[in-house]
Amino acid sequence: MSIATLGATELVLVILLVVVVAAGLAALLWHRKRRTERLRSKFGGAEYARAVKEDGNRRRAEAGLDLRSERVEGLHIRPLALADRARFVDSWRRVQARFVDGPAGAVTEADQLLGDVMSTRGYPVGDYEQRSADISVDHPLVLKNYRTAHETALRQARGEASTEELRQAMIQYRTLFEELVNEPEMPLAKVAS
């Protein structure tokens, strides 16, 4: 069968089929692009790139990021009560003050204090990788600081971190601490949903 032997009706149907397939492909590509943009915006460029690099496949990495979001939506993350907030801020001040005399111990305490804050807020804190993934959903801009500080804390436990690295870790921990502790109360509409 050749194009010359097709009747007008068949030719219209073939053209229509080609147009429908092309429109379907364009819609699929547009949807994928929008999904990528949404995830990059939600998780930040650094965490998005990290997920793609670790997974080795953009689509699987994006599916993993979507699963993170769904998981965190299912958690009961809550703002801190005023008394908890005050207690944690006071604890943070003490940890920072101890840094002068014992930087290694202060970094360890800062890491533990962040775990306590996360736990009180409702984040599961058993596994560091899962905790980081959960934090990435609501706090993507400070996640890199948290990861770097945690790596420094692990190196410090092996006696491999310098005082300057420990100082940087405290600063990096502080960014996440401030974001978690100072997060405003959720609007009533969000709490009710």
N, C-alpha and C. Protein backbone atom coordinates (compact mmCIF):
# COMPACT_ATOMS: atom_id res chain seq x y z
N MET A 1 0.85 -1.17 0.00
CA MET A 1 0.00 0.00 0.00
C MET A 1 0.90 1.23 0.00
N SER A 2 0.62 2.15 -0.87
CA SER A 2 1.41 3.38 -0.95
C SER A 2 0.48 4.56 -0.70
N ILE A 3 1.11 5.69 -0.46
CA ILE A 3 0.33 6.90 -0.17
C ILE A 3 -0.52 7.28 -1.37
N ALA A 4 -0.04 7.01 -2.56
CA ALA A 4 -0.77 7.36 -3.78
C ALA A 4 -2.07 6.57 -3.89
N THR A 5 -2.10 5.36 -3.36
CA THR A 5 -3.29 4.53 -3.49
C THR A 5 -4.31 4.76 -2.37
N LEU A 6 -3.92 5.58 -1.36
CA LEU A 6 -4.85 5.86 -0.26
C LEU A 6 -5.92 6.82 -0.74
N GLY A 7 -7.12 6.57 -0.26
CA GLY A 7 -8.20 7.48 -0.56
C GLY A 7 -8.12 8.70 0.36
N ALA A 8 -8.93 9.66 0.13
CA ALA A 8 -8.93 10.90 0.91
C ALA A 8 -9.24 10.61 2.38
N THR A 9 -10.15 9.71 2.65
CA THR A 9 -10.52 9.39 4.02
C THR A 9 -9.36 8.72 4.75
N GLU A 10 -8.71 7.77 4.08
CA GLU A 10 -7.58 7.10 4.71
C GLU A 10 -6.44 8.07 4.97
N LEU A 11 -6.20 8.96 4.01
CA LEU A 11 -5.13 9.95 4.16
C LEU A 11 -5.41 10.87 5.35
N VAL A 12 -6.63 11.28 5.52
CA VAL A 12 -7.01 12.13 6.65
C VAL A 12 -6.81 11.36 7.96
N LEU A 13 -7.18 10.10 7.99
CA LEU A 13 -7.01 9.28 9.18
C LEU A 13 -5.53 9.11 9.54
N VAL A 14 -4.68 8.89 8.54
CA VAL A 14 -3.25 8.74 8.80
C VAL A 14 -2.69 10.05 9.35
N ILE A 15 -3.06 11.16 8.74
CA ILE A 15 -2.58 12.48 9.21
C ILE A 15 -3.09 12.72 10.63
N LEU A 16 -4.33 12.41 10.88
CA LEU A 16 -4.90 12.58 12.22
C LEU A 16 -4.17 11.72 13.23
N LEU A 17 -3.85 10.48 12.87
CA LEU A 17 -3.11 9.59 13.77
C LEU A 17 -1.73 10.17 14.08
N VAL A 18 -1.05 10.67 13.07
CA VAL A 18 0.28 11.26 13.27
C VAL A 18 0.18 12.47 14.19
N VAL A 19 -0.84 13.31 14.00
CA VAL A 19 -1.03 14.49 14.84
C VAL A 19 -1.32 14.08 16.29
N VAL A 20 -2.15 13.07 16.50
CA VAL A 20 -2.49 12.60 17.85
C VAL A 20 -1.25 12.04 18.54
N VAL A 21 -0.47 11.25 17.84
CA VAL A 21 0.76 10.68 18.42
C VAL A 21 1.74 11.81 18.76
N ALA A 22 1.90 12.76 17.86
CA ALA A 22 2.81 13.89 18.12
C ALA A 22 2.33 14.71 19.32
N ALA A 23 1.02 14.95 19.40
CA ALA A 23 0.47 15.70 20.54
C ALA A 23 0.67 14.93 21.84
N GLY A 24 0.50 13.61 21.79
CA GLY A 24 0.71 12.78 22.98
C GLY A 24 2.16 12.84 23.44
N LEU A 25 3.09 12.75 22.51
CA LEU A 25 4.51 12.85 22.86
C LEU A 25 4.85 14.23 23.43
N ALA A 26 4.29 15.27 22.82
CA ALA A 26 4.54 16.63 23.33
C ALA A 26 3.99 16.79 24.74
N ALA A 27 2.81 16.24 24.99
CA ALA A 27 2.21 16.32 26.33
C ALA A 27 3.05 15.55 27.35
N LEU A 28 3.54 14.39 26.96
CA LEU A 28 4.38 13.59 27.84
C LEU A 28 5.67 14.34 28.18
N LEU A 29 6.32 14.90 27.18
CA LEU A 29 7.55 15.66 27.41
C LEU A 29 7.28 16.88 28.28
N TRP A 30 6.17 17.57 28.05
CA TRP A 30 5.82 18.74 28.86
C TRP A 30 5.58 18.32 30.31
N HIS A 31 4.88 17.21 30.51
CA HIS A 31 4.60 16.71 31.87
C HIS A 31 5.89 16.36 32.59
N ARG A 32 6.80 15.68 31.90
CA ARG A 32 8.09 15.33 32.52
C ARG A 32 8.88 16.58 32.89
N LYS A 33 8.87 17.57 32.01
CA LYS A 33 9.61 18.81 32.28
C LYS A 33 9.02 19.52 33.49
N ARG A 34 7.70 19.60 33.58
CA ARG A 34 7.04 20.24 34.73
C ARG A 34 7.35 19.49 36.02
N ARG A 35 7.35 18.16 35.98
CA ARG A 35 7.66 17.35 37.16
C ARG A 35 9.08 17.65 37.62
N THR A 36 10.02 17.67 36.69
CA THR A 36 11.41 17.96 37.02
C THR A 36 11.53 19.35 37.64
N GLU A 37 10.89 20.35 37.05
CA GLU A 37 10.93 21.71 37.59
C GLU A 37 10.33 21.77 39.00
N ARG A 38 9.22 21.07 39.19
CA ARG A 38 8.56 21.07 40.51
C ARG A 38 9.46 20.44 41.57
N LEU A 39 10.06 19.32 41.24
CA LEU A 39 10.94 18.64 42.20
C LEU A 39 12.21 19.44 42.46
N ARG A 40 12.76 20.04 41.42
CA ARG A 40 13.95 20.87 41.61
C ARG A 40 13.64 22.06 42.51
N SER A 41 12.47 22.62 42.34
CA SER A 41 12.05 23.76 43.16
C SER A 41 11.80 23.31 44.61
N LYS A 42 11.14 22.20 44.78
CA LYS A 42 10.80 21.73 46.12
C LYS A 42 12.03 21.29 46.91
N PHE A 43 12.92 20.53 46.28
CA PHE A 43 14.07 19.96 46.98
C PHE A 43 15.35 20.78 46.84
N GLY A 44 15.31 21.79 46.01
CA GLY A 44 16.52 22.57 45.76
C GLY A 44 17.39 21.86 44.73
N GLY A 45 18.13 22.65 43.99
CA GLY A 45 18.96 22.10 42.93
C GLY A 45 20.00 21.11 43.43
N ALA A 46 20.59 21.40 44.58
CA ALA A 46 21.66 20.54 45.10
C ALA A 46 21.12 19.16 45.48
N GLU A 47 20.01 19.10 46.19
CA GLU A 47 19.46 17.80 46.61
C GLU A 47 18.90 17.05 45.41
N TYR A 48 18.29 17.76 44.46
CA TYR A 48 17.79 17.12 43.24
C TYR A 48 18.97 16.47 42.49
N ALA A 49 20.04 17.24 42.30
CA ALA A 49 21.21 16.73 41.58
C ALA A 49 21.84 15.55 42.32
N ARG A 50 21.88 15.64 43.64
CA ARG A 50 22.43 14.55 44.45
C ARG A 50 21.62 13.27 44.27
N ALA A 51 20.29 13.40 44.28
CA ALA A 51 19.42 12.24 44.12
C ALA A 51 19.62 11.60 42.74
N VAL A 52 19.71 12.43 41.71
CA VAL A 52 19.90 11.90 40.35
C VAL A 52 21.26 11.22 40.24
N LYS A 53 22.29 11.85 40.81
CA LYS A 53 23.63 11.28 40.75
C LYS A 53 23.70 9.95 41.49
N GLU A 54 23.11 9.89 42.69
CA GLU A 54 23.13 8.65 43.47
C GLU A 54 22.35 7.53 42.79
N ASP A 55 21.22 7.88 42.18
CA ASP A 55 20.38 6.87 41.57
C ASP A 55 20.91 6.48 40.19
N GLY A 56 21.51 7.44 39.49
CA GLY A 56 22.03 7.16 38.16
C GLY A 56 20.97 7.22 37.07
N ASN A 57 19.75 7.51 37.43
CA ASN A 57 18.64 7.58 36.48
C ASN A 57 17.68 8.66 36.94
N ARG A 58 17.42 9.64 36.07
CA ARG A 58 16.59 10.78 36.46
C ARG A 58 15.17 10.36 36.83
N ARG A 59 14.57 9.49 36.03
CA ARG A 59 13.18 9.10 36.33
C ARG A 59 13.05 8.36 37.66
N ARG A 60 13.98 7.44 37.93
CA ARG A 60 13.93 6.72 39.21
C ARG A 60 14.21 7.67 40.38
N ALA A 61 15.14 8.59 40.18
CA ALA A 61 15.44 9.56 41.24
C ALA A 61 14.22 10.43 41.52
N GLU A 62 13.54 10.87 40.47
CA GLU A 62 12.35 11.69 40.66
C GLU A 62 11.25 10.90 41.34
N ALA A 63 11.11 9.64 41.01
CA ALA A 63 10.12 8.79 41.69
C ALA A 63 10.47 8.68 43.17
N GLY A 64 11.77 8.55 43.47
CA GLY A 64 12.21 8.50 44.87
C GLY A 64 11.92 9.78 45.61
N LEU A 65 12.12 10.93 44.96
CA LEU A 65 11.82 12.21 45.60
C LEU A 65 10.32 12.34 45.86
N ASP A 66 9.51 11.88 44.90
CA ASP A 66 8.06 11.90 45.12
C ASP A 66 7.69 11.01 46.31
N LEU A 67 8.33 9.85 46.43
CA LEU A 67 8.06 8.96 47.56
C LEU A 67 8.45 9.61 48.88
N ARG A 68 9.55 10.36 48.88
CA ARG A 68 9.94 11.10 50.10
C ARG A 68 8.82 12.03 50.52
N SER A 69 8.31 12.80 49.56
CA SER A 69 7.24 13.75 49.87
C SER A 69 6.02 13.05 50.44
N GLU A 70 5.64 11.94 49.82
CA GLU A 70 4.48 11.19 50.30
C GLU A 70 4.72 10.66 51.71
N ARG A 71 5.93 10.18 51.97
CA ARG A 71 6.25 9.65 53.30
C ARG A 71 6.12 10.74 54.35
N VAL A 72 6.70 11.91 54.08
CA VAL A 72 6.68 13.00 55.06
C VAL A 72 5.26 13.53 55.25
N GLU A 73 4.46 13.54 54.18
CA GLU A 73 3.06 13.95 54.34
C GLU A 73 2.32 13.03 55.29
N GLY A 74 2.73 11.77 55.35
CA GLY A 74 2.10 10.80 56.24
C GLY A 74 2.58 10.89 57.68
N LEU A 75 3.68 11.60 57.92
CA LEU A 75 4.18 11.77 59.28
C LEU A 75 3.39 12.86 59.98
N HIS A 76 3.47 12.89 61.27
CA HIS A 76 2.76 13.93 62.02
C HIS A 76 3.78 14.96 62.50
N ILE A 77 4.31 15.73 61.52
CA ILE A 77 5.29 16.78 61.83
C ILE A 77 4.51 17.95 62.43
N ARG A 78 5.02 18.44 63.53
CA ARG A 78 4.31 19.52 64.23
C ARG A 78 5.31 20.58 64.67
N PRO A 79 4.83 21.78 64.85
CA PRO A 79 5.71 22.83 65.37
C PRO A 79 6.00 22.56 66.85
N LEU A 80 7.05 23.14 67.34
CA LEU A 80 7.39 22.98 68.75
C LEU A 80 6.45 23.81 69.63
N ALA A 81 6.13 23.27 70.77
CA ALA A 81 5.41 24.04 71.77
C ALA A 81 6.37 25.10 72.30
N LEU A 82 5.83 26.17 72.82
CA LEU A 82 6.69 27.27 73.32
C LEU A 82 7.67 26.79 74.38
N ALA A 83 7.24 25.93 75.27
CA ALA A 83 8.13 25.43 76.33
C ALA A 83 9.26 24.59 75.74
N ASP A 84 8.95 23.75 74.74
CA ASP A 84 9.99 22.96 74.08
C ASP A 84 10.96 23.86 73.34
N ARG A 85 10.42 24.85 72.65
CA ARG A 85 11.28 25.78 71.92
C ARG A 85 12.25 26.45 72.88
N ALA A 86 11.76 26.95 74.01
CA ALA A 86 12.61 27.63 74.99
C ALA A 86 13.67 26.68 75.54
N ARG A 87 13.27 25.45 75.82
CA ARG A 87 14.21 24.45 76.35
C ARG A 87 15.31 24.15 75.34
N PHE A 88 14.94 23.99 74.08
CA PHE A 88 15.94 23.69 73.05
C PHE A 88 16.88 24.87 72.79
N VAL A 89 16.34 26.07 72.80
CA VAL A 89 17.18 27.26 72.60
C VAL A 89 18.18 27.37 73.75
N ASP A 90 17.73 27.12 74.95
CA ASP A 90 18.64 27.15 76.11
C ASP A 90 19.72 26.07 75.98
N SER A 91 19.32 24.88 75.57
CA SER A 91 20.29 23.79 75.38
C SER A 91 21.30 24.15 74.30
N TRP A 92 20.84 24.78 73.23
CA TRP A 92 21.76 25.17 72.15
C TRP A 92 22.79 26.19 72.66
N ARG A 93 22.33 27.13 73.45
CA ARG A 93 23.27 28.13 74.01
C ARG A 93 24.35 27.44 74.85
N ARG A 94 23.96 26.46 75.64
CA ARG A 94 24.93 25.74 76.47
C ARG A 94 25.92 24.96 75.60
N VAL A 95 25.42 24.33 74.55
CA VAL A 95 26.30 23.58 73.65
C VAL A 95 27.30 24.53 72.99
N GLN A 96 26.82 25.68 72.53
CA GLN A 96 27.73 26.64 71.90
C GLN A 96 28.78 27.14 72.89
N ALA A 97 28.38 27.36 74.13
CA ALA A 97 29.32 27.85 75.14
C ALA A 97 30.39 26.79 75.42
N ARG A 98 30.03 25.52 75.37
CA ARG A 98 30.99 24.44 75.62
C ARG A 98 31.99 24.28 74.47
N PHE A 99 31.67 24.84 73.33
CA PHE A 99 32.55 24.68 72.18
C PHE A 99 33.95 25.22 72.45
N VAL A 100 34.03 26.32 73.18
CA VAL A 100 35.33 26.96 73.45
C VAL A 100 36.27 25.99 74.15
N ASP A 101 35.79 25.29 75.17
CA ASP A 101 36.64 24.39 75.94
C ASP A 101 36.71 22.97 75.37
N GLY A 102 35.70 22.56 74.64
CA GLY A 102 35.68 21.19 74.11
C GLY A 102 34.94 21.12 72.80
N PRO A 103 35.57 21.57 71.70
CA PRO A 103 34.86 21.60 70.41
C PRO A 103 34.34 20.24 69.96
N ALA A 104 35.11 19.18 70.18
CA ALA A 104 34.67 17.86 69.72
C ALA A 104 33.40 17.42 70.44
N GLY A 105 33.37 17.60 71.76
CA GLY A 105 32.18 17.23 72.52
C GLY A 105 30.98 18.08 72.16
N ALA A 106 31.24 19.36 71.89
CA ALA A 106 30.13 20.26 71.53
C ALA A 106 29.50 19.86 70.21
N VAL A 107 30.31 19.44 69.25
CA VAL A 107 29.76 19.00 67.96
C VAL A 107 28.92 17.74 68.15
N THR A 108 29.39 16.82 68.96
CA THR A 108 28.62 15.61 69.25
C THR A 108 27.30 15.97 69.92
N GLU A 109 27.36 16.89 70.88
CA GLU A 109 26.12 17.32 71.57
C GLU A 109 25.17 18.03 70.61
N ALA A 110 25.72 18.84 69.70
CA ALA A 110 24.88 19.55 68.73
C ALA A 110 24.15 18.55 67.85
N ASP A 111 24.85 17.51 67.41
CA ASP A 111 24.24 16.48 66.59
C ASP A 111 23.11 15.78 67.35
N GLN A 112 23.36 15.47 68.61
CA GLN A 112 22.33 14.82 69.43
C GLN A 112 21.15 15.76 69.69
N LEU A 113 21.45 17.03 69.93
CA LEU A 113 20.38 18.00 70.18
C LEU A 113 19.47 18.14 68.96
N LEU A 114 20.08 18.17 67.78
CA LEU A 114 19.26 18.23 66.56
C LEU A 114 18.37 17.00 66.44
N GLY A 115 18.89 15.84 66.80
CA GLY A 115 18.07 14.63 66.79
C GLY A 115 16.90 14.76 67.75
N ASP A 116 17.13 15.35 68.92
CA ASP A 116 16.05 15.56 69.90
C ASP A 116 14.99 16.52 69.35
N VAL A 117 15.45 17.59 68.72
CA VAL A 117 14.50 18.56 68.15
C VAL A 117 13.66 17.88 67.07
N MET A 118 14.32 17.14 66.20
CA MET A 118 13.59 16.45 65.13
C MET A 118 12.58 15.46 65.70
N SER A 119 13.00 14.72 66.69
CA SER A 119 12.11 13.74 67.31
C SER A 119 10.89 14.43 67.92
N THR A 120 11.13 15.52 68.63
CA THR A 120 10.04 16.26 69.25
C THR A 120 9.08 16.83 68.20
N ARG A 121 9.63 17.21 67.05
CA ARG A 121 8.79 17.73 65.96
C ARG A 121 8.00 16.64 65.27
N GLY A 122 8.43 15.36 65.45
CA GLY A 122 7.70 14.25 64.84
C GLY A 122 8.44 13.53 63.74
N TYR A 123 9.68 13.90 63.49
CA TYR A 123 10.48 13.19 62.50
C TYR A 123 11.03 11.90 63.11
N PRO A 124 10.94 10.78 62.42
CA PRO A 124 11.61 9.57 62.90
C PRO A 124 13.11 9.80 62.82
N VAL A 125 13.85 9.44 63.84
CA VAL A 125 15.28 9.77 63.86
C VAL A 125 16.19 8.55 63.97
N GLY A 126 15.67 7.36 63.78
CA GLY A 126 16.49 6.17 63.95
C GLY A 126 17.64 6.05 62.98
N ASP A 127 17.41 6.28 61.72
CA ASP A 127 18.41 6.09 60.68
C ASP A 127 18.78 7.44 60.08
N TYR A 128 20.07 7.76 60.06
CA TYR A 128 20.51 9.07 59.57
C TYR A 128 20.08 9.32 58.12
N GLU A 129 20.24 8.33 57.25
CA GLU A 129 19.89 8.54 55.84
C GLU A 129 18.39 8.82 55.69
N GLN A 130 17.56 8.09 56.43
CA GLN A 130 16.12 8.33 56.36
C GLN A 130 15.79 9.70 56.94
N ARG A 131 16.44 10.06 58.04
CA ARG A 131 16.23 11.37 58.66
C ARG A 131 16.58 12.48 57.67
N SER A 132 17.70 12.34 56.98
CA SER A 132 18.11 13.35 55.99
C SER A 132 17.09 13.44 54.86
N ALA A 133 16.63 12.28 54.41
CA ALA A 133 15.63 12.27 53.34
C ALA A 133 14.35 12.96 53.80
N ASP A 134 13.93 12.69 55.03
CA ASP A 134 12.71 13.32 55.55
C ASP A 134 12.89 14.83 55.68
N ILE A 135 14.04 15.25 56.19
CA ILE A 135 14.31 16.68 56.36
C ILE A 135 14.35 17.39 55.01
N SER A 136 14.80 16.67 53.97
CA SER A 136 14.94 17.29 52.65
C SER A 136 13.61 17.79 52.09
N VAL A 137 12.52 17.20 52.53
CA VAL A 137 11.21 17.57 52.00
C VAL A 137 10.81 18.98 52.45
N ASP A 138 10.99 19.27 53.74
CA ASP A 138 10.55 20.56 54.27
C ASP A 138 11.68 21.57 54.45
N HIS A 139 12.92 21.11 54.45
CA HIS A 139 14.06 22.00 54.73
C HIS A 139 15.21 21.76 53.75
N PRO A 140 14.93 21.86 52.45
CA PRO A 140 15.97 21.50 51.47
C PRO A 140 17.16 22.46 51.45
N LEU A 141 16.94 23.71 51.79
CA LEU A 141 18.03 24.68 51.68
C LEU A 141 19.10 24.50 52.74
N VAL A 142 18.78 23.88 53.86
CA VAL A 142 19.78 23.68 54.91
C VAL A 142 20.26 22.23 54.99
N LEU A 143 19.71 21.39 54.13
CA LEU A 143 20.08 19.97 54.18
C LEU A 143 21.56 19.75 53.89
N LYS A 144 22.11 20.46 52.92
CA LYS A 144 23.53 20.29 52.60
C LYS A 144 24.39 20.62 53.82
N ASN A 145 24.03 21.68 54.54
CA ASN A 145 24.75 22.02 55.77
C ASN A 145 24.67 20.87 56.78
N TYR A 146 23.49 20.31 56.92
CA TYR A 146 23.30 19.22 57.87
C TYR A 146 24.15 18.00 57.49
N ARG A 147 24.13 17.66 56.21
CA ARG A 147 24.93 16.51 55.76
C ARG A 147 26.42 16.75 56.01
N THR A 148 26.90 17.96 55.68
CA THR A 148 28.32 18.27 55.86
C THR A 148 28.69 18.24 57.34
N ALA A 149 27.85 18.82 58.18
CA ALA A 149 28.13 18.84 59.62
C ALA A 149 28.14 17.42 60.18
N HIS A 150 27.20 16.60 59.74
CA HIS A 150 27.14 15.22 60.23
C HIS A 150 28.39 14.45 59.81
N GLU A 151 28.85 14.65 58.58
CA GLU A 151 30.09 14.01 58.13
C GLU A 151 31.27 14.44 59.00
N THR A 152 31.30 15.73 59.34
CA THR A 152 32.37 16.23 60.21
C THR A 152 32.27 15.57 61.58
N ALA A 153 31.06 15.43 62.10
CA ALA A 153 30.88 14.78 63.40
C ALA A 153 31.37 13.33 63.36
N LEU A 154 31.12 12.64 62.27
CA LEU A 154 31.60 11.26 62.14
C LEU A 154 33.13 11.22 62.07
N ARG A 155 33.70 12.16 61.33
CA ARG A 155 35.16 12.24 61.25
C ARG A 155 35.76 12.61 62.60
N GLN A 156 35.07 13.47 63.32
CA GLN A 156 35.53 13.87 64.65
C GLN A 156 35.56 12.66 65.58
N ALA A 157 34.58 11.79 65.46
CA ALA A 157 34.53 10.60 66.31
C ALA A 157 35.73 9.69 66.05
N ARG A 158 36.28 9.78 64.84
CA ARG A 158 37.47 9.00 64.50
C ARG A 158 38.75 9.81 64.76
N GLY A 159 38.60 11.02 65.29
CA GLY A 159 39.76 11.87 65.57
C GLY A 159 40.38 12.50 64.34
N GLU A 160 39.58 12.68 63.28
CA GLU A 160 40.11 13.17 62.01
C GLU A 160 39.70 14.59 61.66
N ALA A 161 38.96 15.28 62.51
CA ALA A 161 38.47 16.63 62.17
C ALA A 161 39.28 17.68 62.90
N SER A 162 39.60 18.75 62.18
CA SER A 162 40.33 19.87 62.78
C SER A 162 39.36 20.76 63.56
N THR A 163 39.93 21.62 64.38
CA THR A 163 39.10 22.56 65.14
C THR A 163 38.32 23.47 64.20
N GLU A 164 38.92 23.90 63.11
CA GLU A 164 38.21 24.75 62.14
C GLU A 164 37.05 23.99 61.51
N GLU A 165 37.24 22.73 61.20
CA GLU A 165 36.15 21.93 60.64
C GLU A 165 35.02 21.77 61.67
N LEU A 166 35.38 21.62 62.92
CA LEU A 166 34.38 21.51 63.98
C LEU A 166 33.62 22.82 64.13
N ARG A 167 34.33 23.94 64.01
CA ARG A 167 33.68 25.26 64.08
C ARG A 167 32.68 25.40 62.93
N GLN A 168 33.10 24.99 61.74
CA GLN A 168 32.19 25.05 60.59
C GLN A 168 30.99 24.14 60.80
N ALA A 169 31.21 22.97 61.39
CA ALA A 169 30.11 22.05 61.65
C ALA A 169 29.09 22.68 62.60
N MET A 170 29.57 23.38 63.62
CA MET A 170 28.65 24.05 64.55
C MET A 170 27.81 25.09 63.82
N ILE A 171 28.43 25.84 62.94
CA ILE A 171 27.69 26.85 62.15
C ILE A 171 26.66 26.16 61.26
N GLN A 172 27.06 25.06 60.64
CA GLN A 172 26.15 24.33 59.77
C GLN A 172 25.00 23.70 60.56
N TYR A 173 25.29 23.14 61.72
CA TYR A 173 24.22 22.61 62.56
C TYR A 173 23.26 23.73 62.98
N ARG A 174 23.82 24.89 63.28
CA ARG A 174 22.99 26.00 63.73
C ARG A 174 21.95 26.40 62.68
N THR A 175 22.31 26.34 61.39
CA THR A 175 21.34 26.73 60.36
C THR A 175 20.11 25.84 60.40
N LEU A 176 20.32 24.51 60.53
CA LEU A 176 19.17 23.61 60.61
C LEU A 176 18.45 23.78 61.94
N PHE A 177 19.21 23.91 63.02
CA PHE A 177 18.61 24.09 64.34
C PHE A 177 17.67 25.30 64.34
N GLU A 178 18.16 26.43 63.83
CA GLU A 178 17.33 27.65 63.82
C GLU A 178 16.10 27.46 62.97
N GLU A 179 16.23 26.78 61.84
CA GLU A 179 15.07 26.58 60.98
C GLU A 179 14.04 25.67 61.66
N LEU A 180 14.50 24.62 62.31
CA LEU A 180 13.58 23.69 62.97
C LEU A 180 12.93 24.30 64.20
N VAL A 181 13.69 25.06 64.97
CA VAL A 181 13.19 25.61 66.23
C VAL A 181 12.34 26.85 66.00
N ASN A 182 12.70 27.65 65.03
CA ASN A 182 12.00 28.92 64.81
C ASN A 182 10.90 28.84 63.78
N GLU A 183 10.62 27.65 63.29
CA GLU A 183 9.55 27.52 62.31
C GLU A 183 8.24 27.95 62.96
N PRO A 184 7.51 28.84 62.30
CA PRO A 184 6.28 29.34 62.91
C PRO A 184 5.21 28.27 63.02
N GLU A 185 4.26 28.57 63.86
CA GLU A 185 3.13 27.66 64.03
C GLU A 185 2.46 27.48 62.66
N MET A 186 1.93 26.28 62.42
CA MET A 186 1.23 26.02 61.17
C MET A 186 -0.10 26.75 61.19
N PRO A 187 -0.54 27.25 60.03
CA PRO A 187 -1.87 27.85 59.96
C PRO A 187 -2.93 26.82 60.34
N LEU A 188 -4.00 27.28 60.93
CA LEU A 188 -5.06 26.37 61.38
C LEU A 188 -5.63 25.54 60.24
N ALA A 189 -5.67 26.11 59.03
CA ALA A 189 -6.21 25.37 57.88
C ALA A 189 -5.35 24.15 57.59
N LYS A 190 -4.02 24.27 57.72
CA LYS A 190 -3.14 23.15 57.45
C LYS A 190 -3.24 22.10 58.55
N VAL A 191 -3.35 22.56 59.79
CA VAL A 191 -3.47 21.64 60.92
C VAL A 191 -4.76 20.85 60.82
N ALA A 192 -5.84 21.50 60.39
CA ALA A 192 -7.15 20.85 60.30
C ALA A 192 -7.21 19.85 59.15
N SER A 193 -6.39 20.03 58.15
CA SER A 193 -6.48 19.12 56.99
C SER A 193 -5.88 17.77 57.23
